[in-house]
Structure formats: C-alpha cells, structure tokens
Amino acid sequence: MTRPATPRPPLSGPWLLGEPAPASPPGGPEGTLPAAVLFDRDGTLVTDVPYNGDPEKVALMPTAREAVAAVRAAGIPAGVVTNQSGVARGLLTSRQVEAVRRRIEDLLGRFAVWAVCPHGPADGCACRKPAPGLVLAACRRLGVPPERTVVVGDIGADMDAARAAGARGVLVPTSLTSPEEIAAADATAYDLLGAVRLLLPPALRHSLAPVREEAR
C-alpha cells in the first residue's frame, strides 16, 4: 500500500527586516502626498548584481541618494520591497541578505521597512513580485493604506505588484527593462529623482535639484 505524501507545510511569509518605524500618513486629509514610497532594491536603489550577498559590491544607482532624501524631506516614509530568490536557491543566506541591507542603509540611511521575499519562482508564495504580498506586508508594517502608496521599480514585476496591491507604480527603466514593460507602465521616469518629482506637488518639486524631464 502506497503511503500518501506528507503535505508540504505552508510557506512562511516575507521577511520584515530592520527596526519598525512608526509612521503617520502625510499629506493631510486630501492626501496630496503619498502615504509611503516603497523602492525595489536591485536595479532601482543599487546596481543589479545577481544574487549579491557581498556588501562590498553594493553601488548606488544614479540619483538614489537624492531621491530617497527628497522622500524623507517631504515627511514620507521610505521602504524597500525586494525579491531575493537566491535564498531559496541556496545561493544566499539570511546573514548575507542582512549584510547587504546594512550596507545600503550605511549609504542611504535607515528605511522605515524592508520586506524581503526569500522564495523561488516555483514556491507558490504570495509575496514574490509580481504578487502583491511584499507591498501589502510593508503597508501593514507602516500602518498606511496601499492605495496611497507608491512603488518605484525597474521592471514590470514591480509595476504588477503595485497594481495588484492597489498601489501606484512608477517605472525607472534600465537597459534590462523590456519595451513591453515600459509600454505597460502607468508612469515612467528617467531616473529615481525624476520618479520622486512625479509624486510631489509643484511647491515641493521646485525645491529639488533639476533633473531630466520625466518621460510619459
């Protein structure tokens, strides 16, 4: 008699790293500002080094420092949502993910939340982008509504995760972004500071350093 297969235990949710930071949705009752801005990590805040677990290989993307500083100066909580399938593939440890996080915060300051998916594409989790789980988990940690949250990323999966969560997405394309992903995005910008300019009212935009005109 064949013994029935042992059911696989349910997958754990995303990792929430760093110290939680209390946040109040900015912008007043009209919601003129986003309640939170969530940045993708690789290819958005830092250069995309596949399965990077080495803090020494962390390098900022153009205008990353200025963009994150502008979000914070506007009183908006800034967080990070990132797929790290290298954990599931056995290429990264949790300590390596944490070491890279600390290095990024050395360069950019402390983020209000980090939501990390450690699963692989075949794991069927609800957090791996383009699923909405990372965005929703970050919003819950911050106590902000997804519909007043913005996700900034470099590929279509970031935009799909934002859309599935009910958030707004802004695409900052790189050489790895496909034309189809650019065409499908609701909003695009040439660089990170340009993306932040799209999120701010005119009075705050004028306080930022000049950048190239936003696309679309």
N, C-alpha and C. Protein backbone atom coordinates (compact mmCIF):
# COMPACT_ATOMS: atom_id res chain seq x y z
N MET A 1 0.85 -1.19 0.00
CA MET A 1 0.00 0.00 0.00
C MET A 1 0.88 1.24 0.00
N THR A 2 0.59 2.14 -0.91
CA THR A 2 1.39 3.36 -1.02
C THR A 2 0.99 4.36 0.05
N ARG A 3 1.97 4.81 0.79
CA ARG A 3 1.69 5.80 1.83
C ARG A 3 1.45 7.16 1.19
N PRO A 4 0.41 7.86 1.60
CA PRO A 4 0.14 9.17 1.00
C PRO A 4 1.28 10.15 1.30
N ALA A 5 1.51 11.01 0.36
CA ALA A 5 2.58 12.00 0.50
C ALA A 5 2.29 12.92 1.67
N THR A 6 3.34 13.26 2.39
CA THR A 6 3.19 14.19 3.51
C THR A 6 2.93 15.59 2.96
N PRO A 7 1.87 16.24 3.44
CA PRO A 7 1.59 17.59 2.93
C PRO A 7 2.75 18.53 3.22
N ARG A 8 3.03 19.38 2.26
CA ARG A 8 4.08 20.37 2.46
C ARG A 8 3.58 21.44 3.44
N PRO A 9 4.39 21.81 4.43
CA PRO A 9 3.95 22.86 5.35
C PRO A 9 3.78 24.18 4.62
N PRO A 10 2.88 25.01 5.10
CA PRO A 10 2.66 26.28 4.41
C PRO A 10 3.93 27.13 4.39
N LEU A 11 4.11 27.84 3.30
CA LEU A 11 5.28 28.71 3.17
C LEU A 11 5.15 29.89 4.12
N SER A 12 6.28 30.26 4.69
CA SER A 12 6.27 31.44 5.56
C SER A 12 6.12 32.69 4.70
N GLY A 13 5.68 33.75 5.32
CA GLY A 13 5.50 35.00 4.60
C GLY A 13 6.82 35.71 4.38
N PRO A 14 6.78 36.94 3.93
CA PRO A 14 8.02 37.68 3.67
C PRO A 14 8.76 38.00 4.95
N TRP A 15 10.07 38.21 4.83
CA TRP A 15 10.86 38.69 5.95
C TRP A 15 10.66 40.19 6.08
N LEU A 16 10.47 40.66 7.28
CA LEU A 16 10.40 42.08 7.55
C LEU A 16 11.64 42.43 8.37
N LEU A 17 12.58 43.12 7.74
CA LEU A 17 13.88 43.38 8.34
C LEU A 17 13.96 44.79 8.89
N GLY A 18 14.90 44.99 9.80
CA GLY A 18 15.11 46.31 10.35
C GLY A 18 14.16 46.60 11.49
N GLU A 19 14.42 47.68 12.16
CA GLU A 19 13.58 48.11 13.27
C GLU A 19 12.34 48.83 12.74
N PRO A 20 11.14 48.42 13.17
CA PRO A 20 9.94 49.09 12.67
C PRO A 20 9.94 50.56 13.08
N ALA A 21 9.54 51.40 12.15
CA ALA A 21 9.48 52.85 12.41
C ALA A 21 8.04 53.30 12.35
N PRO A 22 7.52 53.91 13.42
CA PRO A 22 6.14 54.40 13.36
C PRO A 22 5.99 55.47 12.30
N ALA A 23 4.85 55.47 11.64
CA ALA A 23 4.64 56.43 10.56
C ALA A 23 3.19 56.87 10.55
N SER A 24 2.98 58.15 10.26
CA SER A 24 1.64 58.68 10.07
C SER A 24 1.49 59.11 8.63
N PRO A 25 0.41 58.72 7.95
CA PRO A 25 0.27 59.11 6.56
C PRO A 25 0.36 60.62 6.39
N PRO A 26 1.33 61.11 5.56
CA PRO A 26 1.47 62.54 5.37
C PRO A 26 0.45 63.07 4.37
N GLY A 27 0.43 64.37 4.23
CA GLY A 27 -0.32 64.96 3.15
C GLY A 27 -1.67 65.50 3.54
N GLY A 28 -2.09 65.36 4.79
CA GLY A 28 -3.36 65.94 5.21
C GLY A 28 -4.54 65.15 4.69
N PRO A 29 -5.75 65.64 4.95
CA PRO A 29 -6.96 64.90 4.60
C PRO A 29 -7.14 64.72 3.10
N GLU A 30 -6.59 65.63 2.31
CA GLU A 30 -6.75 65.50 0.86
C GLU A 30 -5.80 64.47 0.28
N GLY A 31 -4.80 64.04 1.08
CA GLY A 31 -3.86 63.05 0.56
C GLY A 31 -3.03 63.56 -0.58
N THR A 32 -2.51 64.78 -0.46
CA THR A 32 -1.75 65.37 -1.56
C THR A 32 -0.39 64.72 -1.71
N LEU A 33 0.08 64.02 -0.68
CA LEU A 33 1.34 63.28 -0.75
C LEU A 33 1.07 61.80 -0.59
N PRO A 34 1.95 60.94 -1.14
CA PRO A 34 1.80 59.51 -0.86
C PRO A 34 1.95 59.24 0.63
N ALA A 35 1.30 58.18 1.10
CA ALA A 35 1.46 57.77 2.49
C ALA A 35 2.78 57.05 2.70
N ALA A 36 3.33 56.45 1.65
CA ALA A 36 4.63 55.77 1.72
C ALA A 36 5.15 55.60 0.31
N VAL A 37 6.47 55.52 0.18
CA VAL A 37 7.12 55.18 -1.09
C VAL A 37 7.98 53.95 -0.85
N LEU A 38 7.73 52.89 -1.61
CA LEU A 38 8.45 51.64 -1.50
C LEU A 38 9.33 51.45 -2.73
N PHE A 39 10.62 51.33 -2.51
CA PHE A 39 11.57 51.17 -3.60
C PHE A 39 11.95 49.70 -3.77
N ASP A 40 12.03 49.25 -5.01
CA ASP A 40 12.71 47.99 -5.31
C ASP A 40 14.19 48.16 -4.97
N ARG A 41 14.89 47.06 -4.73
CA ARG A 41 16.31 47.16 -4.36
C ARG A 41 17.23 47.10 -5.59
N ASP A 42 17.34 45.89 -6.20
CA ASP A 42 18.34 45.66 -7.25
C ASP A 42 17.87 46.22 -8.58
N GLY A 43 18.70 47.07 -9.17
CA GLY A 43 18.34 47.72 -10.42
C GLY A 43 17.58 49.01 -10.22
N THR A 44 17.21 49.32 -8.97
CA THR A 44 16.49 50.55 -8.65
C THR A 44 17.30 51.40 -7.69
N LEU A 45 17.46 50.94 -6.44
CA LEU A 45 18.30 51.68 -5.50
C LEU A 45 19.78 51.41 -5.72
N VAL A 46 20.12 50.15 -6.02
CA VAL A 46 21.52 49.76 -6.22
C VAL A 46 21.64 48.99 -7.53
N THR A 47 22.85 48.94 -8.05
CA THR A 47 23.08 48.22 -9.30
C THR A 47 22.74 46.75 -9.12
N ASP A 48 22.28 46.13 -10.19
CA ASP A 48 21.81 44.76 -10.14
C ASP A 48 22.99 43.80 -10.28
N VAL A 49 23.43 43.25 -9.16
CA VAL A 49 24.44 42.19 -9.12
C VAL A 49 23.71 40.90 -8.77
N PRO A 50 23.59 39.96 -9.70
CA PRO A 50 22.76 38.78 -9.44
C PRO A 50 23.14 38.06 -8.15
N TYR A 51 22.13 37.81 -7.32
CA TYR A 51 22.28 37.06 -6.07
C TYR A 51 23.40 37.63 -5.20
N ASN A 52 23.43 38.93 -5.08
CA ASN A 52 24.53 39.56 -4.36
C ASN A 52 24.38 39.39 -2.84
N GLY A 53 25.39 38.81 -2.22
CA GLY A 53 25.46 38.72 -0.77
C GLY A 53 26.68 39.40 -0.20
N ASP A 54 27.36 40.19 -1.04
CA ASP A 54 28.61 40.84 -0.66
C ASP A 54 28.39 42.35 -0.52
N PRO A 55 28.46 42.89 0.68
CA PRO A 55 28.26 44.33 0.84
C PRO A 55 29.24 45.18 0.04
N GLU A 56 30.42 44.64 -0.23
CA GLU A 56 31.42 45.41 -0.97
C GLU A 56 31.01 45.64 -2.42
N LYS A 57 30.06 44.86 -2.91
CA LYS A 57 29.61 45.00 -4.30
C LYS A 57 28.41 45.93 -4.43
N VAL A 58 27.97 46.51 -3.34
CA VAL A 58 26.82 47.41 -3.38
C VAL A 58 27.25 48.76 -3.96
N ALA A 59 26.57 49.20 -5.01
CA ALA A 59 26.82 50.50 -5.62
C ALA A 59 25.49 51.16 -5.91
N LEU A 60 25.37 52.43 -5.57
CA LEU A 60 24.10 53.13 -5.74
C LEU A 60 23.81 53.41 -7.20
N MET A 61 22.52 53.36 -7.54
CA MET A 61 22.08 53.80 -8.86
C MET A 61 22.08 55.33 -8.92
N PRO A 62 22.13 55.91 -10.13
CA PRO A 62 22.15 57.37 -10.26
C PRO A 62 20.96 58.02 -9.55
N THR A 63 21.23 59.08 -8.81
CA THR A 63 20.29 59.92 -8.06
C THR A 63 19.57 59.18 -6.94
N ALA A 64 20.03 57.97 -6.57
CA ALA A 64 19.36 57.24 -5.49
C ALA A 64 19.41 58.02 -4.19
N ARG A 65 20.58 58.56 -3.86
CA ARG A 65 20.71 59.29 -2.59
C ARG A 65 19.79 60.50 -2.57
N GLU A 66 19.76 61.25 -3.67
CA GLU A 66 18.93 62.45 -3.74
C GLU A 66 17.44 62.10 -3.68
N ALA A 67 17.06 61.02 -4.34
CA ALA A 67 15.65 60.63 -4.38
C ALA A 67 15.14 60.21 -3.01
N VAL A 68 15.90 59.37 -2.33
CA VAL A 68 15.48 58.91 -1.01
C VAL A 68 15.45 60.09 -0.03
N ALA A 69 16.44 60.96 -0.12
CA ALA A 69 16.47 62.13 0.75
C ALA A 69 15.26 63.03 0.51
N ALA A 70 14.84 63.18 -0.75
CA ALA A 70 13.69 64.02 -1.07
C ALA A 70 12.40 63.43 -0.50
N VAL A 71 12.26 62.10 -0.56
CA VAL A 71 11.08 61.46 0.02
C VAL A 71 11.02 61.72 1.52
N ARG A 72 12.14 61.53 2.18
CA ARG A 72 12.17 61.75 3.64
C ARG A 72 11.95 63.22 3.99
N ALA A 73 12.52 64.12 3.19
CA ALA A 73 12.35 65.55 3.47
C ALA A 73 10.89 65.97 3.36
N ALA A 74 10.12 65.26 2.53
CA ALA A 74 8.69 65.55 2.40
C ALA A 74 7.87 64.92 3.52
N GLY A 75 8.53 64.20 4.43
CA GLY A 75 7.82 63.57 5.53
C GLY A 75 7.17 62.25 5.17
N ILE A 76 7.60 61.63 4.07
CA ILE A 76 7.01 60.39 3.59
C ILE A 76 7.89 59.22 4.01
N PRO A 77 7.34 58.19 4.65
CA PRO A 77 8.13 57.00 4.98
C PRO A 77 8.65 56.32 3.71
N ALA A 78 9.91 55.92 3.71
CA ALA A 78 10.51 55.21 2.58
C ALA A 78 10.84 53.79 3.00
N GLY A 79 10.47 52.82 2.16
CA GLY A 79 10.75 51.42 2.44
C GLY A 79 11.31 50.72 1.22
N VAL A 80 11.65 49.45 1.39
CA VAL A 80 12.22 48.63 0.33
C VAL A 80 11.43 47.34 0.23
N VAL A 81 11.10 46.93 -0.99
CA VAL A 81 10.44 45.65 -1.25
C VAL A 81 11.28 44.91 -2.29
N THR A 82 11.76 43.72 -1.95
CA THR A 82 12.74 43.08 -2.83
C THR A 82 12.59 41.57 -2.86
N ASN A 83 12.61 40.98 -4.05
CA ASN A 83 12.69 39.53 -4.23
C ASN A 83 14.15 39.10 -4.05
N GLN A 84 14.38 38.09 -3.23
CA GLN A 84 15.72 37.54 -3.06
C GLN A 84 15.66 36.01 -3.16
N SER A 85 15.41 35.54 -4.39
CA SER A 85 15.25 34.10 -4.60
C SER A 85 16.56 33.35 -4.41
N GLY A 86 17.68 34.06 -4.32
CA GLY A 86 18.96 33.39 -4.04
C GLY A 86 18.91 32.62 -2.74
N VAL A 87 18.06 33.02 -1.80
CA VAL A 87 17.91 32.28 -0.54
C VAL A 87 17.33 30.90 -0.83
N ALA A 88 16.23 30.86 -1.57
CA ALA A 88 15.60 29.58 -1.90
C ALA A 88 16.50 28.72 -2.77
N ARG A 89 17.32 29.34 -3.59
CA ARG A 89 18.21 28.59 -4.49
C ARG A 89 19.49 28.12 -3.79
N GLY A 90 19.67 28.48 -2.53
CA GLY A 90 20.87 28.09 -1.81
C GLY A 90 22.09 28.92 -2.14
N LEU A 91 21.88 30.08 -2.75
CA LEU A 91 22.98 30.95 -3.14
C LEU A 91 23.22 32.09 -2.16
N LEU A 92 22.26 32.32 -1.27
CA LEU A 92 22.36 33.39 -0.29
C LEU A 92 21.89 32.88 1.07
N THR A 93 22.47 33.42 2.12
CA THR A 93 21.99 33.16 3.47
C THR A 93 21.27 34.40 3.99
N SER A 94 20.51 34.20 5.06
CA SER A 94 19.83 35.35 5.65
C SER A 94 20.85 36.37 6.16
N ARG A 95 21.99 35.90 6.63
CA ARG A 95 23.03 36.83 7.10
C ARG A 95 23.57 37.68 5.96
N GLN A 96 23.71 37.08 4.79
CA GLN A 96 24.19 37.86 3.65
C GLN A 96 23.17 38.91 3.22
N VAL A 97 21.90 38.53 3.21
CA VAL A 97 20.84 39.49 2.88
C VAL A 97 20.87 40.65 3.88
N GLU A 98 21.04 40.31 5.15
CA GLU A 98 21.09 41.33 6.18
C GLU A 98 22.33 42.22 6.04
N ALA A 99 23.46 41.63 5.67
CA ALA A 99 24.69 42.42 5.49
C ALA A 99 24.54 43.43 4.36
N VAL A 100 23.90 43.01 3.27
CA VAL A 100 23.68 43.92 2.16
C VAL A 100 22.71 45.02 2.57
N ARG A 101 21.67 44.64 3.32
CA ARG A 101 20.73 45.66 3.80
C ARG A 101 21.46 46.71 4.63
N ARG A 102 22.31 46.28 5.52
CA ARG A 102 23.03 47.23 6.38
C ARG A 102 23.94 48.14 5.56
N ARG A 103 24.57 47.59 4.54
CA ARG A 103 25.44 48.42 3.69
C ARG A 103 24.63 49.47 2.95
N ILE A 104 23.47 49.10 2.43
CA ILE A 104 22.62 50.06 1.73
C ILE A 104 22.19 51.16 2.69
N GLU A 105 21.87 50.80 3.92
CA GLU A 105 21.47 51.81 4.90
C GLU A 105 22.66 52.66 5.34
N ASP A 106 23.87 52.12 5.29
CA ASP A 106 25.05 52.96 5.52
C ASP A 106 25.12 54.08 4.49
N LEU A 107 24.73 53.75 3.25
CA LEU A 107 24.82 54.71 2.15
C LEU A 107 23.61 55.64 2.05
N LEU A 108 22.43 55.12 2.40
CA LEU A 108 21.19 55.86 2.16
C LEU A 108 20.41 56.21 3.42
N GLY A 109 20.87 55.76 4.57
CA GLY A 109 20.12 56.00 5.79
C GLY A 109 19.10 54.90 6.04
N ARG A 110 18.50 54.92 7.22
CA ARG A 110 17.59 53.85 7.63
C ARG A 110 16.24 53.97 6.93
N PHE A 111 15.79 52.86 6.41
CA PHE A 111 14.47 52.79 5.80
C PHE A 111 13.44 52.38 6.86
N ALA A 112 12.23 52.84 6.66
CA ALA A 112 11.16 52.57 7.64
C ALA A 112 10.76 51.11 7.66
N VAL A 113 10.94 50.40 6.55
CA VAL A 113 10.59 48.99 6.48
C VAL A 113 11.37 48.34 5.34
N TRP A 114 11.74 47.08 5.54
CA TRP A 114 12.27 46.23 4.48
C TRP A 114 11.37 44.99 4.41
N ALA A 115 10.80 44.72 3.26
CA ALA A 115 10.03 43.50 3.04
C ALA A 115 10.76 42.67 1.99
N VAL A 116 11.18 41.47 2.38
CA VAL A 116 12.03 40.63 1.53
C VAL A 116 11.34 39.30 1.28
N CYS A 117 11.23 38.90 0.01
CA CYS A 117 10.72 37.57 -0.33
C CYS A 117 11.92 36.64 -0.53
N PRO A 118 12.04 35.59 0.30
CA PRO A 118 13.16 34.66 0.16
C PRO A 118 12.86 33.45 -0.71
N HIS A 119 11.68 33.43 -1.32
CA HIS A 119 11.22 32.25 -2.04
C HIS A 119 11.69 32.24 -3.49
N GLY A 120 11.58 31.05 -4.10
CA GLY A 120 11.88 30.90 -5.52
C GLY A 120 10.63 30.98 -6.37
N PRO A 121 10.81 31.07 -7.69
CA PRO A 121 9.65 31.20 -8.58
C PRO A 121 8.65 30.05 -8.48
N ALA A 122 9.11 28.86 -8.13
CA ALA A 122 8.22 27.70 -8.10
C ALA A 122 7.61 27.45 -6.73
N ASP A 123 7.87 28.32 -5.76
CA ASP A 123 7.41 28.06 -4.40
C ASP A 123 5.94 28.39 -4.18
N GLY A 124 5.34 29.14 -5.08
CA GLY A 124 3.93 29.44 -4.95
C GLY A 124 3.57 30.37 -3.81
N CYS A 125 4.51 31.23 -3.42
CA CYS A 125 4.23 32.14 -2.32
C CYS A 125 3.38 33.31 -2.81
N ALA A 126 2.86 34.06 -1.85
CA ALA A 126 2.04 35.23 -2.19
C ALA A 126 2.83 36.52 -2.11
N CYS A 127 4.13 36.42 -1.80
CA CYS A 127 4.89 37.66 -1.60
C CYS A 127 5.83 37.97 -2.76
N ARG A 128 6.25 37.00 -3.53
CA ARG A 128 7.22 37.26 -4.59
C ARG A 128 6.58 38.13 -5.67
N LYS A 129 7.18 39.28 -5.95
CA LYS A 129 6.67 40.12 -7.03
C LYS A 129 6.73 39.32 -8.34
N PRO A 130 5.68 39.35 -9.14
CA PRO A 130 4.61 40.35 -9.26
C PRO A 130 3.40 40.16 -8.33
N ALA A 131 3.42 39.19 -7.42
CA ALA A 131 2.34 39.09 -6.44
C ALA A 131 2.39 40.30 -5.51
N PRO A 132 1.29 40.63 -4.86
CA PRO A 132 1.23 41.86 -4.07
C PRO A 132 1.72 41.73 -2.63
N GLY A 133 2.14 40.52 -2.20
CA GLY A 133 2.40 40.30 -0.79
C GLY A 133 3.43 41.20 -0.16
N LEU A 134 4.53 41.49 -0.86
CA LEU A 134 5.56 42.36 -0.28
C LEU A 134 5.02 43.76 -0.04
N VAL A 135 4.30 44.27 -1.02
CA VAL A 135 3.75 45.62 -0.89
C VAL A 135 2.75 45.68 0.25
N LEU A 136 1.88 44.68 0.33
CA LEU A 136 0.86 44.67 1.39
C LEU A 136 1.50 44.51 2.76
N ALA A 137 2.54 43.67 2.87
CA ALA A 137 3.20 43.48 4.15
C ALA A 137 3.89 44.76 4.61
N ALA A 138 4.53 45.46 3.67
CA ALA A 138 5.19 46.72 4.02
C ALA A 138 4.17 47.76 4.46
N CYS A 139 3.03 47.81 3.78
CA CYS A 139 1.99 48.77 4.15
C CYS A 139 1.43 48.46 5.53
N ARG A 140 1.24 47.19 5.83
CA ARG A 140 0.75 46.82 7.16
C ARG A 140 1.75 47.24 8.23
N ARG A 141 3.03 46.98 7.99
CA ARG A 141 4.03 47.36 8.98
C ARG A 141 4.04 48.88 9.21
N LEU A 142 3.84 49.64 8.14
CA LEU A 142 3.87 51.09 8.26
C LEU A 142 2.52 51.67 8.73
N GLY A 143 1.47 50.88 8.64
CA GLY A 143 0.16 51.38 9.01
C GLY A 143 -0.40 52.36 8.00
N VAL A 144 -0.12 52.12 6.71
CA VAL A 144 -0.59 53.02 5.65
C VAL A 144 -1.45 52.24 4.66
N PRO A 145 -2.39 52.89 4.00
CA PRO A 145 -3.23 52.20 3.02
C PRO A 145 -2.48 51.98 1.71
N PRO A 146 -2.58 50.80 1.12
CA PRO A 146 -1.90 50.54 -0.16
C PRO A 146 -2.29 51.53 -1.25
N GLU A 147 -3.55 51.98 -1.23
CA GLU A 147 -4.00 52.88 -2.30
C GLU A 147 -3.35 54.26 -2.22
N ARG A 148 -2.68 54.55 -1.13
CA ARG A 148 -1.95 55.81 -1.02
C ARG A 148 -0.44 55.58 -1.00
N THR A 149 -0.03 54.41 -1.50
CA THR A 149 1.37 54.02 -1.51
C THR A 149 1.87 53.97 -2.94
N VAL A 150 3.14 54.30 -3.12
CA VAL A 150 3.77 54.28 -4.45
C VAL A 150 4.92 53.28 -4.42
N VAL A 151 5.02 52.46 -5.46
CA VAL A 151 6.12 51.52 -5.64
C VAL A 151 6.97 52.00 -6.80
N VAL A 152 8.27 52.14 -6.57
CA VAL A 152 9.20 52.57 -7.61
C VAL A 152 10.12 51.40 -7.93
N GLY A 153 10.15 51.00 -9.20
CA GLY A 153 10.97 49.86 -9.59
C GLY A 153 11.43 49.95 -11.02
N ASP A 154 12.18 48.93 -11.45
CA ASP A 154 12.81 48.98 -12.77
C ASP A 154 12.27 47.95 -13.75
N ILE A 155 11.38 47.06 -13.31
CA ILE A 155 10.85 46.04 -14.22
C ILE A 155 9.34 45.90 -14.04
N GLY A 156 8.74 45.18 -14.98
CA GLY A 156 7.30 45.01 -14.97
C GLY A 156 6.77 44.33 -13.73
N ALA A 157 7.54 43.41 -13.14
CA ALA A 157 7.07 42.73 -11.93
C ALA A 157 6.83 43.71 -10.80
N ASP A 158 7.64 44.76 -10.71
CA ASP A 158 7.42 45.78 -9.68
C ASP A 158 6.10 46.51 -9.91
N MET A 159 5.84 46.83 -11.18
CA MET A 159 4.62 47.55 -11.51
C MET A 159 3.39 46.65 -11.32
N ASP A 160 3.53 45.37 -11.66
CA ASP A 160 2.41 44.44 -11.49
C ASP A 160 2.10 44.24 -10.00
N ALA A 161 3.14 44.18 -9.16
CA ALA A 161 2.92 44.03 -7.73
C ALA A 161 2.20 45.24 -7.17
N ALA A 162 2.61 46.42 -7.62
CA ALA A 162 1.93 47.64 -7.17
C ALA A 162 0.46 47.61 -7.57
N ARG A 163 0.21 47.28 -8.82
CA ARG A 163 -1.16 47.28 -9.33
C ARG A 163 -2.01 46.25 -8.58
N ALA A 164 -1.45 45.05 -8.34
CA ALA A 164 -2.21 44.01 -7.65
C ALA A 164 -2.53 44.39 -6.21
N ALA A 165 -1.66 45.21 -5.60
CA ALA A 165 -1.89 45.64 -4.23
C ALA A 165 -2.80 46.86 -4.14
N GLY A 166 -3.13 47.45 -5.28
CA GLY A 166 -3.93 48.67 -5.28
C GLY A 166 -3.10 49.93 -5.12
N ALA A 167 -1.76 49.79 -5.26
CA ALA A 167 -0.86 50.93 -5.13
C ALA A 167 -0.55 51.52 -6.50
N ARG A 168 0.13 52.65 -6.50
CA ARG A 168 0.58 53.29 -7.73
C ARG A 168 2.01 52.85 -8.03
N GLY A 169 2.33 52.65 -9.29
CA GLY A 169 3.68 52.27 -9.68
C GLY A 169 4.33 53.31 -10.57
N VAL A 170 5.64 53.51 -10.36
CA VAL A 170 6.43 54.37 -11.24
C VAL A 170 7.65 53.56 -11.67
N LEU A 171 7.81 53.40 -12.97
CA LEU A 171 8.89 52.62 -13.55
C LEU A 171 10.08 53.52 -13.87
N VAL A 172 11.27 53.09 -13.45
CA VAL A 172 12.52 53.76 -13.83
C VAL A 172 13.32 52.75 -14.66
N PRO A 173 13.18 52.78 -15.98
CA PRO A 173 13.77 51.74 -16.81
C PRO A 173 15.30 51.74 -16.77
N THR A 174 15.87 50.55 -16.95
CA THR A 174 17.30 50.39 -17.17
C THR A 174 17.48 49.65 -18.49
N SER A 175 18.72 49.29 -18.79
CA SER A 175 18.99 48.56 -20.04
C SER A 175 18.34 47.17 -20.02
N LEU A 176 17.97 46.68 -18.86
CA LEU A 176 17.34 45.36 -18.75
C LEU A 176 15.82 45.42 -18.83
N THR A 177 15.25 46.62 -18.82
CA THR A 177 13.80 46.76 -18.89
C THR A 177 13.34 46.59 -20.33
N SER A 178 12.35 45.76 -20.55
CA SER A 178 11.90 45.50 -21.91
C SER A 178 10.99 46.62 -22.41
N PRO A 179 10.93 46.82 -23.73
CA PRO A 179 10.00 47.81 -24.27
C PRO A 179 8.55 47.54 -23.88
N GLU A 180 8.19 46.26 -23.77
CA GLU A 180 6.83 45.92 -23.38
C GLU A 180 6.54 46.36 -21.94
N GLU A 181 7.53 46.22 -21.07
CA GLU A 181 7.35 46.66 -19.68
C GLU A 181 7.19 48.18 -19.60
N ILE A 182 7.96 48.88 -20.42
CA ILE A 182 7.86 50.35 -20.44
C ILE A 182 6.49 50.77 -20.95
N ALA A 183 6.03 50.12 -22.01
CA ALA A 183 4.74 50.49 -22.59
C ALA A 183 3.59 50.21 -21.64
N ALA A 184 3.72 49.18 -20.81
CA ALA A 184 2.64 48.80 -19.91
C ALA A 184 2.61 49.62 -18.63
N ALA A 185 3.68 50.35 -18.34
CA ALA A 185 3.75 51.09 -17.07
C ALA A 185 2.79 52.28 -17.09
N ASP A 186 2.20 52.56 -15.94
CA ASP A 186 1.31 53.71 -15.82
C ASP A 186 2.08 55.02 -15.80
N ALA A 187 3.32 54.99 -15.29
CA ALA A 187 4.15 56.19 -15.25
C ALA A 187 5.61 55.76 -15.31
N THR A 188 6.44 56.53 -15.99
CA THR A 188 7.86 56.25 -16.07
C THR A 188 8.65 57.52 -15.82
N ALA A 189 9.91 57.34 -15.41
CA ALA A 189 10.82 58.47 -15.21
C ALA A 189 12.21 58.04 -15.64
N TYR A 190 13.04 59.02 -16.01
CA TYR A 190 14.40 58.70 -16.47
C TYR A 190 15.29 58.21 -15.35
N ASP A 191 15.09 58.72 -14.14
CA ASP A 191 15.91 58.32 -13.01
C ASP A 191 15.08 58.41 -11.74
N LEU A 192 15.69 58.05 -10.61
CA LEU A 192 14.94 57.98 -9.36
C LEU A 192 14.45 59.34 -8.90
N LEU A 193 15.28 60.35 -9.03
CA LEU A 193 14.84 61.67 -8.61
C LEU A 193 13.69 62.16 -9.48
N GLY A 194 13.73 61.83 -10.76
CA GLY A 194 12.61 62.15 -11.63
C GLY A 194 11.34 61.45 -11.20
N ALA A 195 11.47 60.20 -10.72
CA ALA A 195 10.30 59.47 -10.22
C ALA A 195 9.71 60.17 -9.00
N VAL A 196 10.58 60.62 -8.10
CA VAL A 196 10.10 61.30 -6.90
C VAL A 196 9.41 62.61 -7.27
N ARG A 197 9.94 63.31 -8.27
CA ARG A 197 9.31 64.56 -8.71
C ARG A 197 7.87 64.33 -9.15
N LEU A 198 7.61 63.17 -9.74
CA LEU A 198 6.25 62.86 -10.17
C LEU A 198 5.28 62.73 -8.99
N LEU A 199 5.81 62.41 -7.82
CA LEU A 199 4.97 62.13 -6.66
C LEU A 199 4.67 63.35 -5.81
N LEU A 200 5.42 64.43 -6.03
CA LEU A 200 5.31 65.59 -5.15
C LEU A 200 4.49 66.70 -5.79
N PRO A 201 3.81 67.49 -4.99
CA PRO A 201 3.10 68.65 -5.53
C PRO A 201 4.10 69.69 -6.03
N PRO A 202 3.66 70.60 -6.91
CA PRO A 202 4.59 71.57 -7.53
C PRO A 202 5.44 72.35 -6.54
N ALA A 203 4.88 72.73 -5.40
CA ALA A 203 5.64 73.54 -4.44
C ALA A 203 6.87 72.79 -3.93
N LEU A 204 6.75 71.47 -3.76
CA LEU A 204 7.89 70.69 -3.30
C LEU A 204 8.82 70.30 -4.44
N ARG A 205 8.29 70.16 -5.65
CA ARG A 205 9.15 69.83 -6.78
C ARG A 205 10.20 70.90 -7.01
N HIS A 206 9.82 72.15 -6.82
CA HIS A 206 10.74 73.26 -7.10
C HIS A 206 11.91 73.27 -6.14
N SER A 207 11.79 72.57 -5.00
CA SER A 207 12.88 72.56 -4.04
C SER A 207 13.94 71.52 -4.37
N LEU A 208 13.66 70.66 -5.36
CA LEU A 208 14.60 69.61 -5.73
C LEU A 208 15.59 70.12 -6.77
N ALA A 209 16.74 69.47 -6.80
CA ALA A 209 17.73 69.80 -7.83
C ALA A 209 17.16 69.47 -9.20
N PRO A 210 17.51 70.25 -10.24
CA PRO A 210 16.99 69.97 -11.58
C PRO A 210 17.42 68.59 -12.06
N VAL A 211 16.49 67.91 -12.73
CA VAL A 211 16.80 66.61 -13.34
C VAL A 211 16.20 66.63 -14.74
N ARG A 212 16.53 65.59 -15.49
CA ARG A 212 15.97 65.49 -16.84
C ARG A 212 14.45 65.40 -16.78
N GLU A 213 13.81 65.88 -17.82
CA GLU A 213 12.34 65.86 -17.83
C GLU A 213 11.84 64.43 -17.81
N GLU A 214 10.77 64.17 -17.03
CA GLU A 214 10.22 62.84 -16.94
C GLU A 214 9.62 62.42 -18.28
N ALA A 215 9.66 61.10 -18.51
CA ALA A 215 9.07 60.56 -19.73
C ALA A 215 7.62 60.17 -19.46
N ARG A 216 6.81 60.23 -20.50
CA ARG A 216 5.40 59.83 -20.45
C ARG A 216 4.70 60.51 -19.30
